[in-house]
N, C-alpha and C. Protein backbone atom coordinates (compact mmCIF):
# COMPACT_ATOMS: atom_id res chain seq x y z
N UNK A 1 88.78 32.27 -42.26
CA UNK A 1 88.93 31.11 -43.11
C UNK A 1 87.56 30.44 -43.25
N UNK A 2 87.22 30.08 -44.50
CA UNK A 2 85.92 29.44 -44.67
C UNK A 2 85.98 27.97 -44.24
N UNK A 3 84.81 27.39 -44.05
CA UNK A 3 84.74 26.04 -43.49
C UNK A 3 85.29 24.98 -44.44
N UNK A 4 85.21 25.21 -45.75
CA UNK A 4 85.76 24.23 -46.70
C UNK A 4 87.27 24.11 -46.53
N UNK A 5 87.96 25.24 -46.49
CA UNK A 5 89.41 25.22 -46.30
C UNK A 5 89.78 24.62 -44.94
N UNK A 6 88.99 24.95 -43.93
CA UNK A 6 89.25 24.42 -42.59
C UNK A 6 89.09 22.90 -42.59
N UNK A 7 88.04 22.41 -43.25
CA UNK A 7 87.82 20.96 -43.33
C UNK A 7 88.96 20.29 -44.08
N UNK A 8 89.38 20.86 -45.22
CA UNK A 8 90.46 20.26 -46.01
C UNK A 8 91.76 20.23 -45.22
N UNK A 9 92.01 21.26 -44.44
CA UNK A 9 93.23 21.30 -43.62
C UNK A 9 93.16 20.19 -42.56
N UNK A 10 92.00 20.04 -41.90
CA UNK A 10 91.82 19.00 -40.89
C UNK A 10 91.94 17.62 -41.52
N UNK A 11 91.30 17.45 -42.67
CA UNK A 11 91.37 16.16 -43.38
C UNK A 11 92.81 15.82 -43.74
N UNK A 12 93.55 16.81 -44.23
CA UNK A 12 94.95 16.59 -44.58
C UNK A 12 95.79 16.20 -43.37
N UNK A 13 95.53 16.84 -42.26
CA UNK A 13 96.25 16.52 -41.01
C UNK A 13 95.96 15.09 -40.58
N UNK A 14 94.69 14.69 -40.67
CA UNK A 14 94.30 13.34 -40.29
C UNK A 14 94.95 12.30 -41.21
N UNK A 15 94.94 12.54 -42.50
CA UNK A 15 95.55 11.59 -43.44
C UNK A 15 97.06 11.49 -43.20
N UNK A 16 97.72 12.63 -42.97
CA UNK A 16 99.17 12.59 -42.67
C UNK A 16 99.43 11.80 -41.39
N UNK A 17 98.59 11.98 -40.39
CA UNK A 17 98.75 11.24 -39.13
C UNK A 17 98.60 9.74 -39.36
N UNK A 18 97.66 9.35 -40.20
CA UNK A 18 97.48 7.92 -40.50
C UNK A 18 98.67 7.35 -41.26
N UNK A 19 99.15 8.10 -42.23
CA UNK A 19 100.27 7.63 -43.06
C UNK A 19 101.56 7.53 -42.25
N UNK A 20 101.77 8.47 -41.35
CA UNK A 20 103.03 8.54 -40.61
C UNK A 20 102.96 7.91 -39.21
N UNK A 21 101.87 7.20 -38.94
CA UNK A 21 101.74 6.56 -37.62
C UNK A 21 102.90 5.60 -37.41
N UNK A 22 103.45 5.63 -36.23
CA UNK A 22 104.63 4.82 -35.92
C UNK A 22 104.27 3.44 -35.36
N UNK A 23 103.02 3.27 -34.92
CA UNK A 23 102.66 1.98 -34.32
C UNK A 23 101.17 1.73 -34.45
N UNK A 24 100.85 0.47 -34.31
CA UNK A 24 99.45 0.06 -34.30
C UNK A 24 98.71 0.72 -33.14
N UNK A 25 99.40 0.86 -32.01
CA UNK A 25 98.79 1.45 -30.83
C UNK A 25 98.36 2.89 -31.08
N UNK A 26 99.18 3.67 -31.76
CA UNK A 26 98.81 5.06 -32.02
C UNK A 26 97.61 5.14 -32.95
N UNK A 27 97.53 4.26 -33.93
CA UNK A 27 96.37 4.23 -34.82
C UNK A 27 95.12 3.79 -34.07
N UNK A 28 95.26 2.79 -33.21
CA UNK A 28 94.11 2.33 -32.43
C UNK A 28 93.63 3.44 -31.50
N UNK A 29 94.56 4.14 -30.88
CA UNK A 29 94.19 5.23 -29.99
C UNK A 29 93.42 6.31 -30.75
N UNK A 30 93.89 6.63 -31.96
CA UNK A 30 93.21 7.62 -32.78
C UNK A 30 91.80 7.11 -33.13
N UNK A 31 91.71 5.85 -33.51
CA UNK A 31 90.41 5.26 -33.85
C UNK A 31 89.45 5.27 -32.68
N UNK A 32 89.96 4.98 -31.50
CA UNK A 32 89.12 4.99 -30.29
C UNK A 32 88.60 6.40 -30.02
N UNK A 33 89.48 7.40 -30.13
CA UNK A 33 89.04 8.78 -29.86
C UNK A 33 88.02 9.25 -30.89
N UNK A 34 88.29 8.97 -32.16
CA UNK A 34 87.34 9.38 -33.21
C UNK A 34 86.01 8.65 -33.02
N UNK A 35 86.08 7.36 -32.72
CA UNK A 35 84.84 6.60 -32.50
C UNK A 35 84.08 7.13 -31.29
N UNK A 36 84.79 7.33 -30.18
CA UNK A 36 84.13 7.78 -28.96
C UNK A 36 83.49 9.15 -29.15
N UNK A 37 84.27 10.12 -29.60
CA UNK A 37 83.74 11.47 -29.65
C UNK A 37 82.85 11.70 -30.88
N UNK A 38 83.01 10.89 -31.92
CA UNK A 38 82.04 10.88 -33.02
C UNK A 38 80.69 10.37 -32.52
N UNK A 39 80.74 9.33 -31.70
CA UNK A 39 79.53 8.78 -31.09
C UNK A 39 78.88 9.81 -30.16
N UNK A 40 79.68 10.50 -29.39
CA UNK A 40 79.17 11.54 -28.48
C UNK A 40 78.46 12.63 -29.28
N UNK A 41 79.11 13.15 -30.32
CA UNK A 41 78.53 14.23 -31.12
C UNK A 41 77.25 13.76 -31.79
N UNK A 42 77.28 12.55 -32.35
CA UNK A 42 76.09 12.01 -33.02
C UNK A 42 74.93 11.89 -32.04
N UNK A 43 75.17 11.31 -30.87
CA UNK A 43 74.10 11.16 -29.87
C UNK A 43 73.59 12.52 -29.38
N UNK A 44 74.49 13.47 -29.18
CA UNK A 44 74.05 14.81 -28.76
C UNK A 44 73.16 15.46 -29.82
N UNK A 45 73.59 15.40 -31.07
CA UNK A 45 72.82 16.04 -32.14
C UNK A 45 71.46 15.38 -32.34
N UNK A 46 71.43 14.05 -32.37
CA UNK A 46 70.11 13.41 -32.56
C UNK A 46 69.28 13.51 -31.30
N UNK A 47 69.91 13.59 -30.14
CA UNK A 47 69.17 13.79 -28.90
C UNK A 47 68.49 15.15 -28.86
N UNK A 48 69.21 16.18 -29.25
CA UNK A 48 68.64 17.54 -29.28
C UNK A 48 67.50 17.61 -30.31
N UNK A 49 67.69 16.96 -31.45
CA UNK A 49 66.64 16.96 -32.48
C UNK A 49 65.33 16.36 -31.98
N UNK A 50 65.40 15.44 -31.04
CA UNK A 50 64.19 14.78 -30.54
C UNK A 50 63.22 15.77 -29.89
N UNK A 51 63.67 16.96 -29.57
CA UNK A 51 62.81 17.96 -28.96
C UNK A 51 62.04 18.78 -30.00
N UNK A 52 62.19 18.45 -31.28
CA UNK A 52 61.45 19.14 -32.33
C UNK A 52 60.24 18.31 -32.74
N UNK A 53 59.20 19.01 -33.17
CA UNK A 53 57.97 18.33 -33.59
C UNK A 53 58.22 17.44 -34.82
N UNK A 54 59.04 17.90 -35.73
CA UNK A 54 59.32 17.11 -36.94
C UNK A 54 59.99 15.79 -36.62
N UNK A 55 60.94 15.81 -35.71
CA UNK A 55 61.62 14.56 -35.32
C UNK A 55 60.67 13.65 -34.55
N UNK A 56 59.83 14.21 -33.70
CA UNK A 56 58.86 13.40 -32.96
C UNK A 56 57.94 12.67 -33.93
N UNK A 57 57.51 13.36 -34.97
CA UNK A 57 56.67 12.73 -35.99
C UNK A 57 57.46 11.72 -36.82
N UNK A 58 58.72 12.04 -37.09
CA UNK A 58 59.56 11.16 -37.90
C UNK A 58 59.85 9.82 -37.26
N UNK A 59 60.02 9.81 -35.93
CA UNK A 59 60.34 8.54 -35.26
C UNK A 59 59.09 7.76 -34.88
N UNK A 60 57.93 8.38 -34.97
CA UNK A 60 56.70 7.72 -34.53
C UNK A 60 56.46 6.37 -35.20
N UNK A 61 56.61 6.24 -36.54
CA UNK A 61 56.37 4.92 -37.14
C UNK A 61 57.39 3.87 -36.69
N UNK A 62 58.60 4.30 -36.39
CA UNK A 62 59.64 3.37 -35.95
C UNK A 62 59.31 2.83 -34.56
N UNK A 63 58.99 3.75 -33.65
CA UNK A 63 58.70 3.37 -32.27
C UNK A 63 57.36 2.62 -32.18
N UNK A 64 56.36 3.10 -32.90
CA UNK A 64 55.02 2.49 -32.82
C UNK A 64 55.02 1.05 -33.33
N UNK A 65 55.88 0.73 -34.29
CA UNK A 65 55.93 -0.62 -34.84
C UNK A 65 56.91 -1.53 -34.12
N UNK A 66 57.63 -1.00 -33.15
CA UNK A 66 58.61 -1.79 -32.41
C UNK A 66 57.91 -2.64 -31.34
N UNK A 67 58.15 -3.95 -31.35
CA UNK A 67 57.56 -4.78 -30.29
C UNK A 67 58.16 -4.48 -28.91
N UNK A 68 59.27 -3.77 -28.88
CA UNK A 68 59.92 -3.43 -27.61
C UNK A 68 59.55 -2.04 -27.09
N UNK A 69 59.06 -1.17 -27.98
CA UNK A 69 58.86 0.22 -27.56
C UNK A 69 57.46 0.78 -27.81
N UNK A 70 56.59 0.07 -28.51
CA UNK A 70 55.28 0.59 -28.89
C UNK A 70 54.48 1.11 -27.69
N UNK A 71 54.68 0.49 -26.56
CA UNK A 71 53.91 0.80 -25.35
C UNK A 71 54.17 2.22 -24.83
N UNK A 72 55.26 2.84 -25.24
CA UNK A 72 55.56 4.19 -24.78
C UNK A 72 54.45 5.18 -25.13
N UNK A 73 53.82 4.97 -26.30
CA UNK A 73 52.75 5.88 -26.72
C UNK A 73 51.47 5.69 -25.89
N UNK A 74 51.38 4.62 -25.15
CA UNK A 74 50.24 4.43 -24.25
C UNK A 74 50.41 5.24 -22.97
N UNK A 75 51.65 5.63 -22.67
CA UNK A 75 51.97 6.37 -21.45
C UNK A 75 52.21 7.85 -21.73
N UNK A 76 52.94 8.13 -22.82
CA UNK A 76 53.34 9.50 -23.14
C UNK A 76 52.75 9.94 -24.47
N UNK A 77 52.72 11.25 -24.66
CA UNK A 77 52.28 11.82 -25.93
C UNK A 77 53.35 11.59 -26.99
N UNK A 78 53.02 11.94 -28.23
CA UNK A 78 53.98 11.83 -29.33
C UNK A 78 55.25 12.60 -28.99
N UNK A 79 55.10 13.86 -28.57
CA UNK A 79 56.27 14.67 -28.22
C UNK A 79 56.92 14.18 -26.93
N UNK A 80 56.12 13.67 -26.00
CA UNK A 80 56.67 13.16 -24.75
C UNK A 80 57.60 11.98 -24.96
N UNK A 81 57.23 11.06 -25.85
CA UNK A 81 58.09 9.92 -26.18
C UNK A 81 59.39 10.41 -26.80
N UNK A 82 59.29 11.33 -27.75
CA UNK A 82 60.47 11.86 -28.41
C UNK A 82 61.37 12.59 -27.41
N UNK A 83 60.77 13.38 -26.52
CA UNK A 83 61.55 14.10 -25.51
C UNK A 83 62.28 13.12 -24.58
N UNK A 84 61.58 12.07 -24.17
CA UNK A 84 62.19 11.06 -23.29
C UNK A 84 63.40 10.42 -23.98
N UNK A 85 63.22 10.03 -25.23
CA UNK A 85 64.32 9.43 -25.98
C UNK A 85 65.46 10.43 -26.12
N UNK A 86 65.13 11.69 -26.37
CA UNK A 86 66.16 12.74 -26.49
C UNK A 86 66.96 12.91 -25.21
N UNK A 87 66.29 12.94 -24.07
CA UNK A 87 66.98 13.07 -22.79
C UNK A 87 67.91 11.88 -22.58
N UNK A 88 67.44 10.69 -22.87
CA UNK A 88 68.26 9.49 -22.70
C UNK A 88 69.49 9.57 -23.60
N UNK A 89 69.32 9.98 -24.86
CA UNK A 89 70.45 10.07 -25.78
C UNK A 89 71.47 11.11 -25.32
N UNK A 90 71.00 12.23 -24.83
CA UNK A 90 71.91 13.28 -24.35
C UNK A 90 72.67 12.82 -23.11
N UNK A 91 71.99 12.19 -22.17
CA UNK A 91 72.65 11.68 -20.96
C UNK A 91 73.70 10.63 -21.34
N UNK A 92 73.35 9.73 -22.24
CA UNK A 92 74.30 8.71 -22.69
C UNK A 92 75.53 9.37 -23.31
N UNK A 93 75.32 10.37 -24.16
CA UNK A 93 76.45 11.07 -24.79
C UNK A 93 77.36 11.71 -23.74
N UNK A 94 76.76 12.35 -22.77
CA UNK A 94 77.56 13.01 -21.73
C UNK A 94 78.35 12.00 -20.90
N UNK A 95 77.74 10.86 -20.60
CA UNK A 95 78.45 9.81 -19.86
C UNK A 95 79.64 9.28 -20.66
N UNK A 96 79.43 9.03 -21.95
CA UNK A 96 80.53 8.54 -22.78
C UNK A 96 81.66 9.56 -22.83
N UNK A 97 81.31 10.84 -22.91
CA UNK A 97 82.31 11.91 -23.01
C UNK A 97 83.16 12.04 -21.75
N UNK A 98 82.70 11.48 -20.64
CA UNK A 98 83.43 11.59 -19.37
C UNK A 98 84.64 10.66 -19.28
N UNK A 99 84.98 9.95 -20.35
CA UNK A 99 86.07 8.97 -20.31
C UNK A 99 87.37 9.50 -19.71
N UNK A 100 87.81 10.72 -20.02
CA UNK A 100 89.07 11.19 -19.41
C UNK A 100 88.99 11.31 -17.89
N UNK A 101 87.78 11.42 -17.35
CA UNK A 101 87.60 11.61 -15.91
C UNK A 101 87.12 10.35 -15.20
N UNK A 102 86.33 9.53 -15.91
CA UNK A 102 85.77 8.35 -15.28
C UNK A 102 85.50 7.25 -16.31
N UNK A 103 86.35 6.24 -16.31
CA UNK A 103 86.14 5.11 -17.21
C UNK A 103 84.81 4.41 -16.89
N UNK A 104 84.46 4.39 -15.62
CA UNK A 104 83.23 3.72 -15.20
C UNK A 104 81.99 4.39 -15.78
N UNK A 105 81.91 5.73 -15.68
CA UNK A 105 80.77 6.45 -16.24
C UNK A 105 80.73 6.30 -17.77
N UNK A 106 81.91 6.37 -18.39
CA UNK A 106 81.97 6.20 -19.84
C UNK A 106 81.52 4.80 -20.26
N UNK A 107 81.91 3.81 -19.50
CA UNK A 107 81.47 2.44 -19.75
C UNK A 107 79.95 2.35 -19.65
N UNK A 108 79.38 2.94 -18.61
CA UNK A 108 77.92 2.91 -18.44
C UNK A 108 77.23 3.62 -19.62
N UNK A 109 77.78 4.74 -20.06
CA UNK A 109 77.22 5.43 -21.22
C UNK A 109 77.31 4.59 -22.48
N UNK A 110 78.44 3.91 -22.65
CA UNK A 110 78.62 3.06 -23.83
C UNK A 110 77.65 1.87 -23.81
N UNK A 111 77.39 1.34 -22.64
CA UNK A 111 76.39 0.27 -22.53
C UNK A 111 75.01 0.83 -22.89
N UNK A 112 74.70 2.03 -22.42
CA UNK A 112 73.45 2.69 -22.79
C UNK A 112 73.35 2.90 -24.30
N UNK A 113 74.45 3.31 -24.92
CA UNK A 113 74.46 3.49 -26.37
C UNK A 113 74.28 2.15 -27.08
N UNK A 114 74.90 1.10 -26.55
CA UNK A 114 74.75 -0.22 -27.14
C UNK A 114 73.28 -0.65 -27.12
N UNK A 115 72.63 -0.45 -25.99
CA UNK A 115 71.20 -0.79 -25.89
C UNK A 115 70.39 0.07 -26.87
N UNK A 116 70.70 1.36 -26.93
CA UNK A 116 70.00 2.26 -27.84
C UNK A 116 70.10 1.77 -29.27
N UNK A 117 71.31 1.40 -29.70
CA UNK A 117 71.49 1.03 -31.10
C UNK A 117 71.03 -0.39 -31.39
N UNK A 118 70.99 -1.27 -30.39
CA UNK A 118 70.35 -2.57 -30.59
C UNK A 118 68.87 -2.34 -30.88
N UNK A 119 68.25 -1.43 -30.11
CA UNK A 119 66.84 -1.11 -30.34
C UNK A 119 66.62 -0.52 -31.73
N UNK A 120 67.46 0.45 -32.12
CA UNK A 120 67.23 1.09 -33.41
C UNK A 120 67.54 0.16 -34.58
N UNK A 121 68.53 -0.71 -34.43
CA UNK A 121 68.79 -1.70 -35.48
C UNK A 121 67.62 -2.68 -35.59
N UNK A 122 66.97 -2.97 -34.46
CA UNK A 122 65.81 -3.86 -34.51
C UNK A 122 64.66 -3.25 -35.31
N UNK A 123 64.65 -1.91 -35.45
CA UNK A 123 63.62 -1.27 -36.27
C UNK A 123 63.70 -1.71 -37.72
N UNK A 124 64.89 -2.14 -38.16
CA UNK A 124 65.02 -2.66 -39.52
C UNK A 124 64.08 -3.84 -39.75
N UNK A 125 63.86 -4.62 -38.69
CA UNK A 125 63.00 -5.80 -38.80
C UNK A 125 61.54 -5.51 -38.49
N UNK A 126 61.29 -4.48 -37.68
CA UNK A 126 59.92 -4.23 -37.23
C UNK A 126 59.19 -3.12 -37.99
N UNK A 127 59.91 -2.28 -38.70
CA UNK A 127 59.28 -1.18 -39.42
C UNK A 127 58.87 -1.64 -40.82
N UNK A 128 57.59 -1.54 -41.12
CA UNK A 128 57.15 -1.94 -42.47
C UNK A 128 57.89 -1.17 -43.56
N UNK A 129 58.42 -1.89 -44.52
CA UNK A 129 59.11 -1.28 -45.65
C UNK A 129 60.57 -0.97 -45.42
N UNK A 130 61.08 -1.16 -44.21
CA UNK A 130 62.50 -0.87 -43.97
C UNK A 130 63.38 -1.83 -44.76
N UNK A 131 62.99 -3.08 -44.78
CA UNK A 131 63.64 -4.09 -45.62
C UNK A 131 62.62 -4.56 -46.63
N UNK A 132 63.00 -4.51 -47.88
CA UNK A 132 62.12 -4.98 -48.94
C UNK A 132 62.86 -6.06 -49.70
N UNK A 133 62.12 -7.03 -50.17
CA UNK A 133 62.74 -8.12 -50.90
C UNK A 133 62.37 -8.01 -52.38
N UNK A 134 63.38 -8.09 -53.22
CA UNK A 134 63.18 -8.08 -54.66
C UNK A 134 63.97 -9.23 -55.23
N UNK A 135 63.26 -10.18 -55.82
CA UNK A 135 63.90 -11.38 -56.38
C UNK A 135 64.69 -12.13 -55.32
N UNK A 136 64.16 -12.13 -54.09
CA UNK A 136 64.79 -12.85 -52.99
C UNK A 136 65.98 -12.14 -52.36
N UNK A 137 66.27 -10.93 -52.79
CA UNK A 137 67.40 -10.17 -52.28
C UNK A 137 66.86 -9.05 -51.38
N UNK A 138 67.37 -8.95 -50.13
CA UNK A 138 66.90 -7.87 -49.26
C UNK A 138 67.47 -6.52 -49.72
N UNK A 139 66.59 -5.55 -49.85
CA UNK A 139 66.97 -4.19 -50.21
C UNK A 139 66.48 -3.25 -49.12
N UNK A 140 67.16 -2.14 -48.96
CA UNK A 140 66.76 -1.16 -47.94
C UNK A 140 65.73 -0.21 -48.51
N UNK A 141 64.60 -0.10 -47.81
CA UNK A 141 63.62 0.93 -48.13
C UNK A 141 64.08 2.25 -47.52
N UNK A 142 63.22 3.26 -47.59
CA UNK A 142 63.59 4.57 -47.06
C UNK A 142 63.97 4.50 -45.58
N UNK A 143 63.15 3.84 -44.77
CA UNK A 143 63.46 3.73 -43.34
C UNK A 143 64.74 2.93 -43.13
N UNK A 144 64.94 1.89 -43.91
CA UNK A 144 66.14 1.07 -43.81
C UNK A 144 67.40 1.85 -44.14
N UNK A 145 67.31 2.72 -45.15
CA UNK A 145 68.46 3.56 -45.51
C UNK A 145 68.81 4.52 -44.38
N UNK A 146 67.80 4.99 -43.68
CA UNK A 146 68.01 5.87 -42.53
C UNK A 146 68.60 5.10 -41.35
N UNK A 147 68.17 3.86 -41.15
CA UNK A 147 68.55 3.10 -39.96
C UNK A 147 69.87 2.34 -40.07
N UNK A 148 70.31 2.04 -41.27
CA UNK A 148 71.47 1.14 -41.44
C UNK A 148 72.73 1.70 -40.79
N UNK A 149 72.86 3.02 -40.70
CA UNK A 149 74.04 3.63 -40.05
C UNK A 149 74.15 3.22 -38.60
N UNK A 150 73.01 2.87 -38.00
CA UNK A 150 73.02 2.51 -36.58
C UNK A 150 73.78 1.22 -36.32
N UNK A 151 73.98 0.42 -37.34
CA UNK A 151 74.79 -0.78 -37.20
C UNK A 151 76.25 -0.40 -36.91
N UNK A 152 76.75 0.61 -37.59
CA UNK A 152 78.11 1.11 -37.33
C UNK A 152 78.18 1.77 -35.95
N UNK A 153 77.16 2.54 -35.60
CA UNK A 153 77.12 3.17 -34.28
C UNK A 153 77.05 2.13 -33.17
N UNK A 154 76.37 1.02 -33.42
CA UNK A 154 76.34 -0.08 -32.47
C UNK A 154 77.76 -0.63 -32.26
N UNK A 155 78.48 -0.82 -33.35
CA UNK A 155 79.86 -1.29 -33.25
C UNK A 155 80.74 -0.32 -32.48
N UNK A 156 80.59 0.97 -32.74
CA UNK A 156 81.37 1.99 -32.01
C UNK A 156 81.01 1.97 -30.53
N UNK A 157 79.75 1.75 -30.22
CA UNK A 157 79.31 1.69 -28.81
C UNK A 157 79.94 0.51 -28.08
N UNK A 158 79.95 -0.64 -28.74
CA UNK A 158 80.56 -1.83 -28.14
C UNK A 158 82.06 -1.61 -27.95
N UNK A 159 82.71 -1.02 -28.94
CA UNK A 159 84.14 -0.78 -28.88
C UNK A 159 84.49 0.20 -27.76
N UNK A 160 83.73 1.29 -27.65
CA UNK A 160 84.04 2.25 -26.58
C UNK A 160 83.73 1.66 -25.20
N UNK A 161 82.73 0.79 -25.13
CA UNK A 161 82.45 0.11 -23.85
C UNK A 161 83.64 -0.78 -23.46
N UNK A 162 84.14 -1.53 -24.43
CA UNK A 162 85.28 -2.42 -24.16
C UNK A 162 86.51 -1.62 -23.74
N UNK A 163 86.76 -0.52 -24.43
CA UNK A 163 87.95 0.29 -24.10
C UNK A 163 87.81 0.90 -22.71
N UNK A 164 86.62 1.41 -22.39
CA UNK A 164 86.43 2.03 -21.07
C UNK A 164 86.52 0.99 -19.97
N UNK A 165 86.05 -0.21 -20.24
CA UNK A 165 86.05 -1.27 -19.22
C UNK A 165 87.41 -1.92 -19.08
N UNK A 166 88.09 -2.14 -20.22
CA UNK A 166 89.33 -2.92 -20.20
C UNK A 166 90.58 -2.11 -20.55
N UNK A 167 90.39 -0.87 -21.03
CA UNK A 167 91.51 -0.04 -21.47
C UNK A 167 92.38 0.43 -20.33
N UNK A 168 93.41 1.14 -20.72
CA UNK A 168 94.38 1.64 -19.72
C UNK A 168 93.89 2.91 -19.08
């Protein structure tokens, strides 16, 4: 079966589950799982990418202009900074994924993700051109278009932290 048909079948199953949900709790549970493991997959994929030269170069302007992170380049090389960030993202993803076994570890991972995404959302303010103003209206530049998704990931991180800390 090709991936398009597989995706459509999965999408159809998800939509049917949403339509036929019997309670708010079942929908919330589904949302928590999709948020948690979507966050895990996203962090794993971007963490692994940090080990490539292209990604190391791509994040350099973001990190170098950050008042919170610029100093990393004084200690580590361009690739070293990217590798460090990649290791942190992968460890955070693995901790979040441990929720079925340890709410505490998952909570710690979610707090790590929250810190990660607070930092990356702050790049919107510190990266030249990320936010541009036209006629007094803020518009997203290229870097801003790349970074704005991190606002949603920040929300997912906070939500998974709350569920791991306070959930059943």
